[in-house]
Amino acid sequence: MARPKGALIDGRQLRSRREQRGMTQDQLAMEAGLTRSVVQKAERGGPLSPTTIQALARAVGSVGSSLALSEDWGRHAEEEVVSPFKPESLPKIGTVWRQTRELLYQMPPPILQSLALRNLARVVPVFSPKSAEATGHFRELMAAVSCARDALAVAWGSTGRSPTSEEMAQHADACFCAAGYTRSCRYEEDTHGADAAFAVAISAARVLESIITHRRDEGRQGADYWRAMEFGTSASHAAGHASVYLTIEDAFIRAATLDTHDLRNAADPGAILRAPLWEGGEAPAALRLFMNRFLRDSCFPHEARRTWNQWVRRGFQAPDGH
């Protein structure tokens, strides 16, 4: 399949300029002669055609070239999450994640999102920062996971403040930037490691997009409802890919399958969301060894290790227990 052509743009700058002018996404789309979905794609970073970038730039009083980042879409194509590993060496998605889309689509979005988020949180250390810049992206990913957890916890009845859709959109943007960073050959000498990190970042962005889109649906079960379902399913599949890198896919599948059953049948799904991430409060040995190796690297933040260990052993919840 041919990859999409176009340039990546600075989505944060575009959103900032739109908000400075007091415009909604719909208003910007009307001003630029585009659709809202194109504006949403632009604020996620593209890719977009030069004509579309120029139209958006004129609408927000900017210069097109100041928004465009790169025409090298080939290394950033989001479609790579479908098969991020070399087919001759590692399993493809069908063997990693055995839950069919038909089964996943039987779950309402909050349950699907809770499942996807727990799947992501299990493998988020696979991002494995190895430079100061990568450390910044990893902290953004951890913050994105916490943001999504807080939103879902409130949805399931916990007390506390739920993040706004705008806040979650900002975290999703940071996740897409993290995904783009991993496509650089400087990220990891191990190609599969870079692919796994890419899958983690995409999974985080998709979980947040699923929550945002479902909120927008407002119970109508329209197009946004089904987009939320697709984003949640995609997030679980991407997390499954990351599990293959460390050969922990069997443990991952078992944990995800147990979550699927418990979330669908529990009287209080919020309790399942908050439960320890790995069965028995113990991560698979390969993942523990991986964490120990990178903990010795000054680029791996120790506070992230402590937070993740709490999620594994004590429960996937904020320090105050909410």
C-alpha atoms as a PDB file:
ATOM      1  CA  MET A   1       0.000   0.000   0.000  1.00  0.00           C
ATOM      2  CA  ALA A   2       1.381   3.401  -0.972  1.00  0.00           C
ATOM      3  CA  ARG A   3       2.135   5.686   1.907  1.00  0.00           C
ATOM      4  CA  PRO A   4       0.363   9.029   2.121  1.00  0.00           C
ATOM      5  CA  LYS A   5       2.167  12.016   0.708  1.00  0.00           C
ATOM      6  CA  GLY A   6       2.406  15.431   2.291  1.00  0.00           C
ATOM      7  CA  ALA A   7       4.151  17.439   4.945  1.00  0.00           C
ATOM      8  CA  LEU A   8       4.039  17.178   8.718  1.00  0.00           C
ATOM      9  CA  ILE A   9       3.073  20.403  10.455  1.00  0.00           C
ATOM     10  CA  ASP A  10       3.410  21.929  13.901  1.00  0.00           C
ATOM     11  CA  GLY A  11      -0.012  21.008  15.283  1.00  0.00           C
ATOM     12  CA  ARG A  12       0.573  22.743  18.600  1.00  0.00           C
ATOM     13  CA  GLN A  13       1.397  26.019  16.884  1.00  0.00           C
ATOM     14  CA  LEU A  14      -1.712  25.766  14.742  1.00  0.00           C
ATOM     15  CA  ARG A  15      -3.933  25.113  17.762  1.00  0.00           C
ATOM     16  CA  SER A  16      -2.291  27.959  19.691  1.00  0.00           C
ATOM     17  CA  ARG A  17      -2.906  30.402  16.837  1.00  0.00           C
ATOM     18  CA  ARG A  18      -6.498  29.222  16.472  1.00  0.00           C
ATOM     19  CA  GLU A  19      -7.164  29.707  20.179  1.00  0.00           C
ATOM     20  CA  GLN A  20      -5.498  33.127  20.174  1.00  0.00           C
ATOM     21  CA  ARG A  21      -8.063  34.162  17.566  1.00  0.00           C
ATOM     22  CA  GLY A  22     -10.900  32.691  19.622  1.00  0.00           C
ATOM     23  CA  MET A  23     -11.818  30.200  16.900  1.00  0.00           C
ATOM     24  CA  THR A  24     -13.251  26.720  17.284  1.00  0.00           C
ATOM     25  CA  GLN A  25     -12.135  23.899  15.010  1.00  0.00           C
ATOM     26  CA  ASP A  26     -15.392  24.259  13.077  1.00  0.00           C
ATOM     27  CA  GLN A  27     -14.844  27.982  12.594  1.00  0.00           C
ATOM     28  CA  LEU A  28     -11.286  27.445  11.407  1.00  0.00           C
ATOM     29  CA  ALA A  29     -12.473  24.778   8.984  1.00  0.00           C
ATOM     30  CA  MET A  30     -15.092  27.139   7.565  1.00  0.00           C
ATOM     31  CA  GLU A  31     -12.600  30.008   7.275  1.00  0.00           C
ATOM     32  CA  ALA A  32     -10.071  27.791   5.479  1.00  0.00           C
ATOM     33  CA  GLY A  33     -12.653  26.083   3.268  1.00  0.00           C
ATOM     34  CA  LEU A  34     -11.884  22.690   4.794  1.00  0.00           C
ATOM     35  CA  THR A  35     -13.671  20.127   6.946  1.00  0.00           C
ATOM     36  CA  ARG A  36     -13.371  19.782  10.703  1.00  0.00           C
ATOM     37  CA  SER A  37     -11.702  16.394  10.316  1.00  0.00           C
ATOM     38  CA  VAL A  38      -8.915  18.020   8.279  1.00  0.00           C
ATOM     39  CA  VAL A  39      -8.402  20.618  11.013  1.00  0.00           C
ATOM     40  CA  GLN A  40      -8.240  17.850  13.624  1.00  0.00           C
ATOM     41  CA  LYS A  41      -5.705  15.986  11.512  1.00  0.00           C
ATOM     42  CA  ALA A  42      -3.684  19.184  11.146  1.00  0.00           C
ATOM     43  CA  GLU A  43      -3.596  19.769  14.898  1.00  0.00           C
ATOM     44  CA  ARG A  44      -2.304  16.204  15.295  1.00  0.00           C
ATOM     45  CA  GLY A  45       0.564  17.032  12.940  1.00  0.00           C
ATOM     46  CA  GLY A  46      -0.624  15.968   9.474  1.00  0.00           C
ATOM     47  CA  PRO A  47       0.481  14.964   6.912  1.00  0.00           C
ATOM     48  CA  LEU A  48      -1.208  17.555   4.718  1.00  0.00           C
ATOM     49  CA  SER A  49      -0.821  18.804   1.188  1.00  0.00           C
ATOM     50  CA  PRO A  50       0.942  22.168   0.665  1.00  0.00           C
ATOM     51  CA  THR A  51      -2.360  23.667  -0.509  1.00  0.00           C
ATOM     52  CA  THR A  52      -4.120  22.648   2.707  1.00  0.00           C
ATOM     53  CA  ILE A  53      -1.290  23.974   4.859  1.00  0.00           C
ATOM     54  CA  GLN A  54      -1.411  27.320   3.059  1.00  0.00           C
ATOM     55  CA  ALA A  55      -5.193  27.529   3.546  1.00  0.00           C
ATOM     56  CA  LEU A  56      -4.866  26.892   7.273  1.00  0.00           C
ATOM     57  CA  ALA A  57      -1.987  29.335   7.584  1.00  0.00           C
ATOM     58  CA  ARG A  58      -3.988  32.109   5.915  1.00  0.00           C
ATOM     59  CA  ALA A  59      -6.953  31.423   8.181  1.00  0.00           C
ATOM     60  CA  VAL A  60      -4.875  31.860  11.352  1.00  0.00           C
ATOM     61  CA  GLY A  61      -2.715  34.696  10.025  1.00  0.00           C
ATOM     62  CA  SER A  62       0.446  32.658   9.700  1.00  0.00           C
ATOM     63  CA  VAL A  63       2.890  31.691   6.969  1.00  0.00           C
ATOM     64  CA  GLY A  64       2.542  28.195   5.570  1.00  0.00           C
ATOM     65  CA  SER A  65       6.245  27.478   5.764  1.00  0.00           C
ATOM     66  CA  SER A  66       6.237  28.289   9.497  1.00  0.00           C
ATOM     67  CA  LEU A  67       3.765  25.449  10.110  1.00  0.00           C
ATOM     68  CA  ALA A  68       5.334  22.791   7.891  1.00  0.00           C
ATOM     69  CA  LEU A  69       7.916  20.551   9.544  1.00  0.00           C
ATOM     70  CA  SER A  70       8.913  17.934   7.013  1.00  0.00           C
ATOM     71  CA  GLU A  71       7.972  16.300   3.756  1.00  0.00           C
ATOM     72  CA  ASP A  72       9.596  13.055   4.848  1.00  0.00           C
ATOM     73  CA  TRP A  73       6.320  11.368   5.775  1.00  0.00           C
ATOM     74  CA  GLY A  74       7.730   7.944   5.002  1.00  0.00           C
ATOM     75  CA  ARG A  75       9.524   7.664   8.351  1.00  0.00           C
ATOM     76  CA  HIS A  76       6.563   8.945  10.332  1.00  0.00           C
ATOM     77  CA  ALA A  77       3.669   7.083   8.710  1.00  0.00           C
ATOM     78  CA  GLU A  78       1.170   6.098  11.352  1.00  0.00           C
ATOM     79  CA  GLU A  79       0.181   3.122   9.242  1.00  0.00           C
ATOM     80  CA  GLU A  80       3.443   1.455  10.316  1.00  0.00           C
ATOM     81  CA  VAL A  81       1.768   0.499  13.581  1.00  0.00           C
ATOM     82  CA  VAL A  82      -0.109  -2.185  11.624  1.00  0.00           C
ATOM     83  CA  SER A  83       3.093  -4.172  11.144  1.00  0.00           C
ATOM     84  CA  PRO A  84       5.945  -2.481  13.029  1.00  0.00           C
ATOM     85  CA  PHE A  85       8.146  -5.560  13.205  1.00  0.00           C
ATOM     86  CA  LYS A  86      10.001  -7.300  10.422  1.00  0.00           C
ATOM     87  CA  PRO A  87       7.670 -10.035   9.135  1.00  0.00           C
ATOM     88  CA  GLU A  88      10.445 -12.561   8.798  1.00  0.00           C
ATOM     89  CA  SER A  89      11.519 -12.310  12.441  1.00  0.00           C
ATOM     90  CA  LEU A  90       8.604 -11.455  14.700  1.00  0.00           C
ATOM     91  CA  PRO A  91       4.884 -12.269  14.859  1.00  0.00           C
ATOM     92  CA  LYS A  92       2.277 -10.054  13.265  1.00  0.00           C
ATOM     93  CA  ILE A  93      -0.752  -8.603  14.931  1.00  0.00           C
ATOM     94  CA  GLY A  94      -3.009 -11.624  14.493  1.00  0.00           C
ATOM     95  CA  THR A  95      -0.720 -13.782  16.622  1.00  0.00           C
ATOM     96  CA  VAL A  96      -0.006 -11.075  19.195  1.00  0.00           C
ATOM     97  CA  TRP A  97      -3.532 -10.010  20.061  1.00  0.00           C
ATOM     98  CA  ARG A  98      -6.032 -12.822  19.785  1.00  0.00           C
ATOM     99  CA  GLN A  99      -9.101 -10.858  20.768  1.00  0.00           C
ATOM    100  CA  THR A 100     -10.983 -10.304  17.532  1.00  0.00           C
ATOM    101  CA  ARG A 101     -12.397  -6.942  16.632  1.00  0.00           C
ATOM    102  CA  GLU A 102     -15.851  -8.504  16.735  1.00  0.00           C
ATOM    103  CA  LEU A 103     -15.384  -9.322  20.430  1.00  0.00           C
ATOM    104  CA  LEU A 104     -13.856  -5.965  21.282  1.00  0.00           C
ATOM    105  CA  TYR A 105     -16.659  -4.142  19.497  1.00  0.00           C
ATOM    106  CA  GLN A 106     -19.187  -5.771  21.819  1.00  0.00           C
ATOM    107  CA  MET A 107     -17.847  -3.653  24.681  1.00  0.00           C
ATOM    108  CA  PRO A 108     -19.019  -0.081  25.308  1.00  0.00           C
ATOM    109  CA  PRO A 109     -16.220   2.468  24.804  1.00  0.00           C
ATOM    110  CA  PRO A 110     -15.408   3.053  28.519  1.00  0.00           C
ATOM    111  CA  ILE A 111     -14.721  -0.660  29.002  1.00  0.00           C
ATOM    112  CA  LEU A 112     -12.729  -0.872  25.778  1.00  0.00           C
ATOM    113  CA  GLN A 113     -10.758   2.227  26.788  1.00  0.00           C
ATOM    114  CA  SER A 114     -10.050   0.818  30.259  1.00  0.00           C
ATOM    115  CA  LEU A 115      -8.772  -2.391  28.682  1.00  0.00           C
ATOM    116  CA  ALA A 116      -6.606  -0.489  26.194  1.00  0.00           C
ATOM    117  CA  LEU A 117      -5.178   1.765  28.892  1.00  0.00           C
ATOM    118  CA  ARG A 118      -4.193  -1.138  31.135  1.00  0.00           C
ATOM    119  CA  ASN A 119      -2.617  -2.893  28.144  1.00  0.00           C
ATOM    120  CA  LEU A 120      -0.634   0.255  27.386  1.00  0.00           C
ATOM    121  CA  ALA A 121       0.443   0.831  30.995  1.00  0.00           C
ATOM    122  CA  ARG A 122       1.847  -2.712  31.170  1.00  0.00           C
ATOM    123  CA  VAL A 123       4.327  -2.047  28.374  1.00  0.00           C
ATOM    124  CA  VAL A 124       4.955   1.709  28.578  1.00  0.00           C
ATOM    125  CA  PRO A 125       8.565   1.195  29.875  1.00  0.00           C
ATOM    126  CA  VAL A 126       9.383  -0.353  26.477  1.00  0.00           C
ATOM    127  CA  PHE A 127       9.772   3.240  25.242  1.00  0.00           C
ATOM    128  CA  SER A 128      13.184   2.993  27.021  1.00  0.00           C
ATOM    129  CA  PRO A 129      14.682   6.500  26.785  1.00  0.00           C
ATOM    130  CA  LYS A 130      18.338   6.580  25.830  1.00  0.00           C
ATOM    131  CA  SER A 131      18.948  10.320  25.539  1.00  0.00           C
ATOM    132  CA  ALA A 132      17.912  13.494  27.336  1.00  0.00           C
ATOM    133  CA  GLU A 133      15.398  14.287  24.592  1.00  0.00           C
ATOM    134  CA  ALA A 134      13.918  10.799  24.749  1.00  0.00           C
ATOM    135  CA  THR A 135      13.591  11.148  28.531  1.00  0.00           C
ATOM    136  CA  GLY A 136      11.389  14.185  27.996  1.00  0.00           C
ATOM    137  CA  HIS A 137       9.173  12.228  25.623  1.00  0.00           C
ATOM    138  CA  PHE A 138       8.972   9.335  28.089  1.00  0.00           C
ATOM    139  CA  ARG A 139       7.830  11.650  30.875  1.00  0.00           C
ATOM    140  CA  GLU A 140       5.157  12.965  28.502  1.00  0.00           C
ATOM    141  CA  LEU A 141       3.991   9.393  27.873  1.00  0.00           C
ATOM    142  CA  MET A 142       3.772   8.633  31.588  1.00  0.00           C
ATOM    143  CA  ALA A 143       1.788  11.851  32.090  1.00  0.00           C
ATOM    144  CA  ALA A 144      -0.522  10.858  29.216  1.00  0.00           C
ATOM    145  CA  VAL A 145      -1.166   7.459  30.803  1.00  0.00           C
ATOM    146  CA  SER A 146      -1.973   9.121  34.134  1.00  0.00           C
ATOM    147  CA  CYS A 147      -4.261  11.639  32.419  1.00  0.00           C
ATOM    148  CA  ALA A 148      -6.246   8.896  30.669  1.00  0.00           C
ATOM    149  CA  ARG A 149      -6.435   6.881  33.893  1.00  0.00           C
ATOM    150  CA  ASP A 150      -7.818   9.865  35.810  1.00  0.00           C
ATOM    151  CA  ALA A 151     -10.449  10.516  33.124  1.00  0.00           C
ATOM    152  CA  LEU A 152     -11.614   6.898  33.155  1.00  0.00           C
ATOM    153  CA  ALA A 153     -11.522   6.640  36.956  1.00  0.00           C
ATOM    154  CA  VAL A 154     -13.919   9.587  37.243  1.00  0.00           C
ATOM    155  CA  ALA A 155     -16.106   8.071  34.531  1.00  0.00           C
ATOM    156  CA  TRP A 156     -16.349   4.923  36.684  1.00  0.00           C
ATOM    157  CA  GLY A 157     -17.373   6.904  39.766  1.00  0.00           C
ATOM    158  CA  SER A 158     -14.150   7.889  41.527  1.00  0.00           C
ATOM    159  CA  THR A 159     -13.942  11.297  43.137  1.00  0.00           C
ATOM    160  CA  GLY A 160     -11.566  13.900  41.813  1.00  0.00           C
ATOM    161  CA  ARG A 161     -11.214  16.152  38.817  1.00  0.00           C
ATOM    162  CA  SER A 162     -11.514  14.707  35.337  1.00  0.00           C
ATOM    163  CA  PRO A 163      -9.091  16.110  32.742  1.00  0.00           C
ATOM    164  CA  THR A 164     -10.706  18.264  30.086  1.00  0.00           C
ATOM    165  CA  SER A 165     -10.793  17.182  26.461  1.00  0.00           C
ATOM    166  CA  GLU A 166      -8.382  20.005  25.659  1.00  0.00           C
ATOM    167  CA  GLU A 167      -5.893  18.736  28.232  1.00  0.00           C
ATOM    168  CA  MET A 168      -6.154  15.219  26.845  1.00  0.00           C
ATOM    169  CA  ALA A 169      -5.680  16.535  23.300  1.00  0.00           C
ATOM    170  CA  GLN A 170      -2.457  18.213  24.380  1.00  0.00           C
ATOM    171  CA  HIS A 171      -1.212  14.946  25.872  1.00  0.00           C
ATOM    172  CA  ALA A 172      -2.199  13.106  22.670  1.00  0.00           C
ATOM    173  CA  ASP A 173      -0.159  15.594  20.651  1.00  0.00           C
ATOM    174  CA  ALA A 174       2.826  14.926  22.907  1.00  0.00           C
ATOM    175  CA  CYS A 175       2.406  11.196  22.292  1.00  0.00           C
ATOM    176  CA  PHE A 176       2.396  11.692  18.531  1.00  0.00           C
ATOM    177  CA  CYS A 177       5.585  13.759  18.866  1.00  0.00           C
ATOM    178  CA  ALA A 178       7.115  10.913  20.884  1.00  0.00           C
ATOM    179  CA  ALA A 179       6.109   8.478  18.137  1.00  0.00           C
ATOM    180  CA  GLY A 180       7.740  10.670  15.521  1.00  0.00           C
ATOM    181  CA  TYR A 181      10.915  10.861  17.580  1.00  0.00           C
ATOM    182  CA  THR A 182      11.297   7.080  17.663  1.00  0.00           C
ATOM    183  CA  ARG A 183      11.358   6.927  13.854  1.00  0.00           C
ATOM    184  CA  SER A 184      14.749   8.596  13.933  1.00  0.00           C
ATOM    185  CA  CYS A 185      17.658   6.197  13.476  1.00  0.00           C
ATOM    186  CA  ARG A 186      19.323   7.984  16.417  1.00  0.00           C
ATOM    187  CA  TYR A 187      16.761   6.643  18.850  1.00  0.00           C
ATOM    188  CA  GLU A 188      17.829   3.036  19.155  1.00  0.00           C
ATOM    189  CA  GLU A 189      20.472   0.925  17.464  1.00  0.00           C
ATOM    190  CA  ASP A 190      18.036  -1.970  17.736  1.00  0.00           C
ATOM    191  CA  THR A 191      15.467  -1.412  14.989  1.00  0.00           C
ATOM    192  CA  HIS A 192      12.877  -3.570  16.729  1.00  0.00           C
ATOM    193  CA  GLY A 193      13.317  -1.522  19.909  1.00  0.00           C
ATOM    194  CA  ALA A 194      12.519   1.663  18.011  1.00  0.00           C
ATOM    195  CA  ASP A 195       9.466  -0.016  16.467  1.00  0.00           C
ATOM    196  CA  ALA A 196       8.249  -1.134  19.895  1.00  0.00           C
ATOM    197  CA  ALA A 197       8.696   2.378  21.291  1.00  0.00           C
ATOM    198  CA  PHE A 198       6.728   3.741  18.328  1.00  0.00           C
ATOM    199  CA  ALA A 199       3.891   1.309  19.073  1.00  0.00           C
ATOM    200  CA  VAL A 200       3.803   2.404  22.736  1.00  0.00           C
ATOM    201  CA  ALA A 201       3.540   6.078  21.811  1.00  0.00           C
ATOM    202  CA  ILE A 202       0.818   5.440  19.224  1.00  0.00           C
ATOM    203  CA  SER A 203      -1.105   3.341  21.732  1.00  0.00           C
ATOM    204  CA  ALA A 204      -1.048   6.217  24.233  1.00  0.00           C
ATOM    205  CA  ALA A 205      -2.275   8.706  21.642  1.00  0.00           C
ATOM    206  CA  ARG A 206      -5.062   6.367  20.549  1.00  0.00           C
ATOM    207  CA  VAL A 207      -6.347   5.798  24.092  1.00  0.00           C
ATOM    208  CA  LEU A 208      -6.659   9.541  24.622  1.00  0.00           C
ATOM    209  CA  GLU A 209      -8.280  10.065  21.229  1.00  0.00           C
ATOM    210  CA  SER A 210     -10.797   7.354  22.045  1.00  0.00           C
ATOM    211  CA  ILE A 211     -11.814   9.069  25.300  1.00  0.00           C
ATOM    212  CA  ILE A 212     -12.031  12.494  23.646  1.00  0.00           C
ATOM    213  CA  THR A 213     -14.073  11.203  20.728  1.00  0.00           C
ATOM    214  CA  HIS A 214     -16.476   9.284  22.941  1.00  0.00           C
ATOM    215  CA  ARG A 215     -17.096  12.396  25.034  1.00  0.00           C
ATOM    216  CA  ARG A 216     -17.944  14.290  21.877  1.00  0.00           C
ATOM    217  CA  ASP A 217     -20.536  11.682  20.938  1.00  0.00           C
ATOM    218  CA  GLU A 218     -22.610  12.570  24.055  1.00  0.00           C
ATOM    219  CA  GLY A 219     -24.499   9.290  24.068  1.00  0.00           C
ATOM    220  CA  ARG A 220     -25.817   9.516  20.494  1.00  0.00           C
ATOM    221  CA  GLN A 221     -23.921   6.430  19.265  1.00  0.00           C
ATOM    222  CA  GLY A 222     -23.138   8.239  16.059  1.00  0.00           C
ATOM    223  CA  ALA A 223     -19.946   8.346  14.028  1.00  0.00           C
ATOM    224  CA  ASP A 224     -17.857   9.545  16.975  1.00  0.00           C
ATOM    225  CA  TYR A 225     -19.001   6.547  19.025  1.00  0.00           C
ATOM    226  CA  TRP A 226     -17.596   4.166  16.421  1.00  0.00           C
ATOM    227  CA  ARG A 227     -14.445   6.223  16.003  1.00  0.00           C
ATOM    228  CA  ALA A 228     -13.915   5.876  19.739  1.00  0.00           C
ATOM    229  CA  MET A 229     -14.325   2.118  19.403  1.00  0.00           C
ATOM    230  CA  GLU A 230     -11.779   1.971  16.590  1.00  0.00           C
ATOM    231  CA  PHE A 231      -9.258   4.124  18.464  1.00  0.00           C
ATOM    232  CA  GLY A 232      -9.598   1.935  21.579  1.00  0.00           C
ATOM    233  CA  THR A 233      -9.151  -1.261  19.585  1.00  0.00           C
ATOM    234  CA  SER A 234      -6.130   0.171  17.773  1.00  0.00           C
ATOM    235  CA  ALA A 235      -4.555   1.142  21.111  1.00  0.00           C
ATOM    236  CA  SER A 236      -4.787  -2.422  22.442  1.00  0.00           C
ATOM    237  CA  HIS A 237      -3.311  -3.851  19.256  1.00  0.00           C
ATOM    238  CA  ALA A 238      -0.386  -1.421  19.363  1.00  0.00           C
ATOM    239  CA  ALA A 239       0.369  -2.302  22.984  1.00  0.00           C
ATOM    240  CA  GLY A 240       0.311  -5.965  21.974  1.00  0.00           C
ATOM    241  CA  HIS A 241       3.010  -5.268  19.394  1.00  0.00           C
ATOM    242  CA  ALA A 242       5.235  -3.734  22.039  1.00  0.00           C
ATOM    243  CA  SER A 243       4.921  -6.877  24.153  1.00  0.00           C
ATOM    244  CA  VAL A 244       6.476  -8.920  21.350  1.00  0.00           C
ATOM    245  CA  TYR A 245       9.730  -6.978  21.508  1.00  0.00           C
ATOM    246  CA  LEU A 246      10.486  -8.370  24.976  1.00  0.00           C
ATOM    247  CA  THR A 247       8.947 -11.789  24.205  1.00  0.00           C
ATOM    248  CA  ILE A 248       6.367 -11.282  26.945  1.00  0.00           C
ATOM    249  CA  GLU A 249       3.409 -11.654  24.588  1.00  0.00           C
ATOM    250  CA  ASP A 250       2.108 -14.791  26.335  1.00  0.00           C
ATOM    251  CA  ALA A 251       1.954 -13.036  29.717  1.00  0.00           C
ATOM    252  CA  PHE A 252       0.512  -9.957  28.046  1.00  0.00           C
ATOM    253  CA  ILE A 253      -2.229 -11.944  26.326  1.00  0.00           C
ATOM    254  CA  ARG A 254      -3.127 -13.724  29.570  1.00  0.00           C
ATOM    255  CA  ALA A 255      -3.352 -10.450  31.500  1.00  0.00           C
ATOM    256  CA  ALA A 256      -5.350  -8.746  28.746  1.00  0.00           C
ATOM    257  CA  THR A 257      -7.722 -11.702  28.435  1.00  0.00           C
ATOM    258  CA  LEU A 258      -8.370 -11.698  32.196  1.00  0.00           C
ATOM    259  CA  ASP A 259      -9.016  -7.948  32.046  1.00  0.00           C
ATOM    260  CA  THR A 260     -11.424  -8.454  29.156  1.00  0.00           C
ATOM    261  CA  HIS A 261     -13.457 -10.954  31.160  1.00  0.00           C
ATOM    262  CA  ASP A 262     -13.366  -8.957  34.397  1.00  0.00           C
ATOM    263  CA  LEU A 263     -14.230  -5.600  32.832  1.00  0.00           C
ATOM    264  CA  ARG A 264     -17.177  -7.067  30.940  1.00  0.00           C
ATOM    265  CA  ASN A 265     -18.620  -8.825  33.970  1.00  0.00           C
ATOM    266  CA  ALA A 266     -17.660  -6.724  36.997  1.00  0.00           C
ATOM    267  CA  ALA A 267     -20.299  -4.815  38.949  1.00  0.00           C
ATOM    268  CA  ASP A 268     -17.645  -2.118  39.460  1.00  0.00           C
ATOM    269  CA  PRO A 269     -15.372  -1.866  36.381  1.00  0.00           C
ATOM    270  CA  GLY A 270     -13.542   0.969  38.119  1.00  0.00           C
ATOM    271  CA  ALA A 271     -12.138  -1.534  40.599  1.00  0.00           C
ATOM    272  CA  ILE A 272     -10.714  -3.547  37.703  1.00  0.00           C
ATOM    273  CA  LEU A 273      -9.201  -0.399  36.192  1.00  0.00           C
ATOM    274  CA  ARG A 274      -7.432   0.347  39.485  1.00  0.00           C
ATOM    275  CA  ALA A 275      -6.163  -3.204  40.096  1.00  0.00           C
ATOM    276  CA  PRO A 276      -2.428  -4.049  39.812  1.00  0.00           C
ATOM    277  CA  LEU A 277      -1.353  -4.236  36.189  1.00  0.00           C
ATOM    278  CA  TRP A 278       0.217  -7.683  36.271  1.00  0.00           C
ATOM    279  CA  GLU A 279      -1.243 -10.775  37.862  1.00  0.00           C
ATOM    280  CA  GLY A 280       0.086 -11.305  41.373  1.00  0.00           C
ATOM    281  CA  GLY A 281       1.662  -7.851  41.399  1.00  0.00           C
ATOM    282  CA  GLU A 282       4.748  -9.135  39.577  1.00  0.00           C
ATOM    283  CA  ALA A 283       5.827  -8.168  36.073  1.00  0.00           C
ATOM    284  CA  PRO A 284       7.219 -10.865  33.731  1.00  0.00           C
ATOM    285  CA  ALA A 285      10.892 -11.639  34.273  1.00  0.00           C
ATOM    286  CA  ALA A 286      11.933 -10.355  30.840  1.00  0.00           C
ATOM    287  CA  LEU A 287      10.300  -6.998  31.546  1.00  0.00           C
ATOM    288  CA  ARG A 288      11.957  -6.736  34.971  1.00  0.00           C
ATOM    289  CA  LEU A 289      15.363  -7.445  33.450  1.00  0.00           C
ATOM    290  CA  PHE A 290      14.702  -4.858  30.769  1.00  0.00           C
ATOM    291  CA  MET A 291      13.793  -2.267  33.407  1.00  0.00           C
ATOM    292  CA  ASN A 292      16.899  -3.043  35.454  1.00  0.00           C
ATOM    293  CA  ARG A 293      19.124  -2.644  32.419  1.00  0.00           C
ATOM    294  CA  PHE A 294      17.738   0.754  31.517  1.00  0.00           C
ATOM    295  CA  LEU A 295      17.512   1.952  35.113  1.00  0.00           C
ATOM    296  CA  ARG A 296      21.305   2.003  35.135  1.00  0.00           C
ATOM    297  CA  ASP A 297      21.159   4.466  32.256  1.00  0.00           C
ATOM    298  CA  SER A 298      21.008   8.052  33.504  1.00  0.00           C
ATOM    299  CA  CYS A 299      18.375   8.789  30.857  1.00  0.00           C
ATOM    300  CA  PHE A 300      15.755   6.528  32.426  1.00  0.00           C
ATOM    301  CA  PRO A 301      13.934   8.624  35.060  1.00  0.00           C
ATOM    302  CA  HIS A 302      13.895   6.967  38.479  1.00  0.00           C
ATOM    303  CA  GLU A 303      10.577   8.564  39.425  1.00  0.00           C
ATOM    304  CA  ALA A 304       8.992   6.847  36.433  1.00  0.00           C
ATOM    305  CA  ARG A 305      10.327   3.499  37.633  1.00  0.00           C
ATOM    306  CA  ARG A 306       8.836   4.091  41.095  1.00  0.00           C
ATOM    307  CA  THR A 307       5.470   5.096  39.638  1.00  0.00           C
ATOM    308  CA  TRP A 308       5.350   2.093  37.332  1.00  0.00           C
ATOM    309  CA  ASN A 309       6.296  -0.292  40.129  1.00  0.00           C
ATOM    310  CA  GLN A 310       3.408   1.103  42.180  1.00  0.00           C
ATOM    311  CA  TRP A 311       1.047   0.442  39.261  1.00  0.00           C
ATOM    312  CA  VAL A 312       2.303  -3.131  39.041  1.00  0.00           C
ATOM    313  CA  ARG A 313       2.346  -4.016  42.732  1.00  0.00           C
ATOM    314  CA  ARG A 314      -0.133  -1.781  44.549  1.00  0.00           C
ATOM    315  CA  GLY A 315      -2.618  -0.801  41.898  1.00  0.00           C
ATOM    316  CA  PHE A 316      -3.054   1.323  38.789  1.00  0.00           C
ATOM    317  CA  GLN A 317      -4.118   4.485  40.573  1.00  0.00           C
ATOM    318  CA  ALA A 318      -2.939   7.920  41.615  1.00  0.00           C
ATOM    319  CA  PRO A 319      -0.895   8.254  44.829  1.00  0.00           C
ATOM    320  CA  ASP A 320      -3.988   9.441  46.735  1.00  0.00           C
ATOM    321  CA  GLY A 321      -5.804   6.248  45.760  1.00  0.00           C
ATOM    322  CA  HIS A 322      -8.399   7.852  43.491  1.00  0.00           C
END
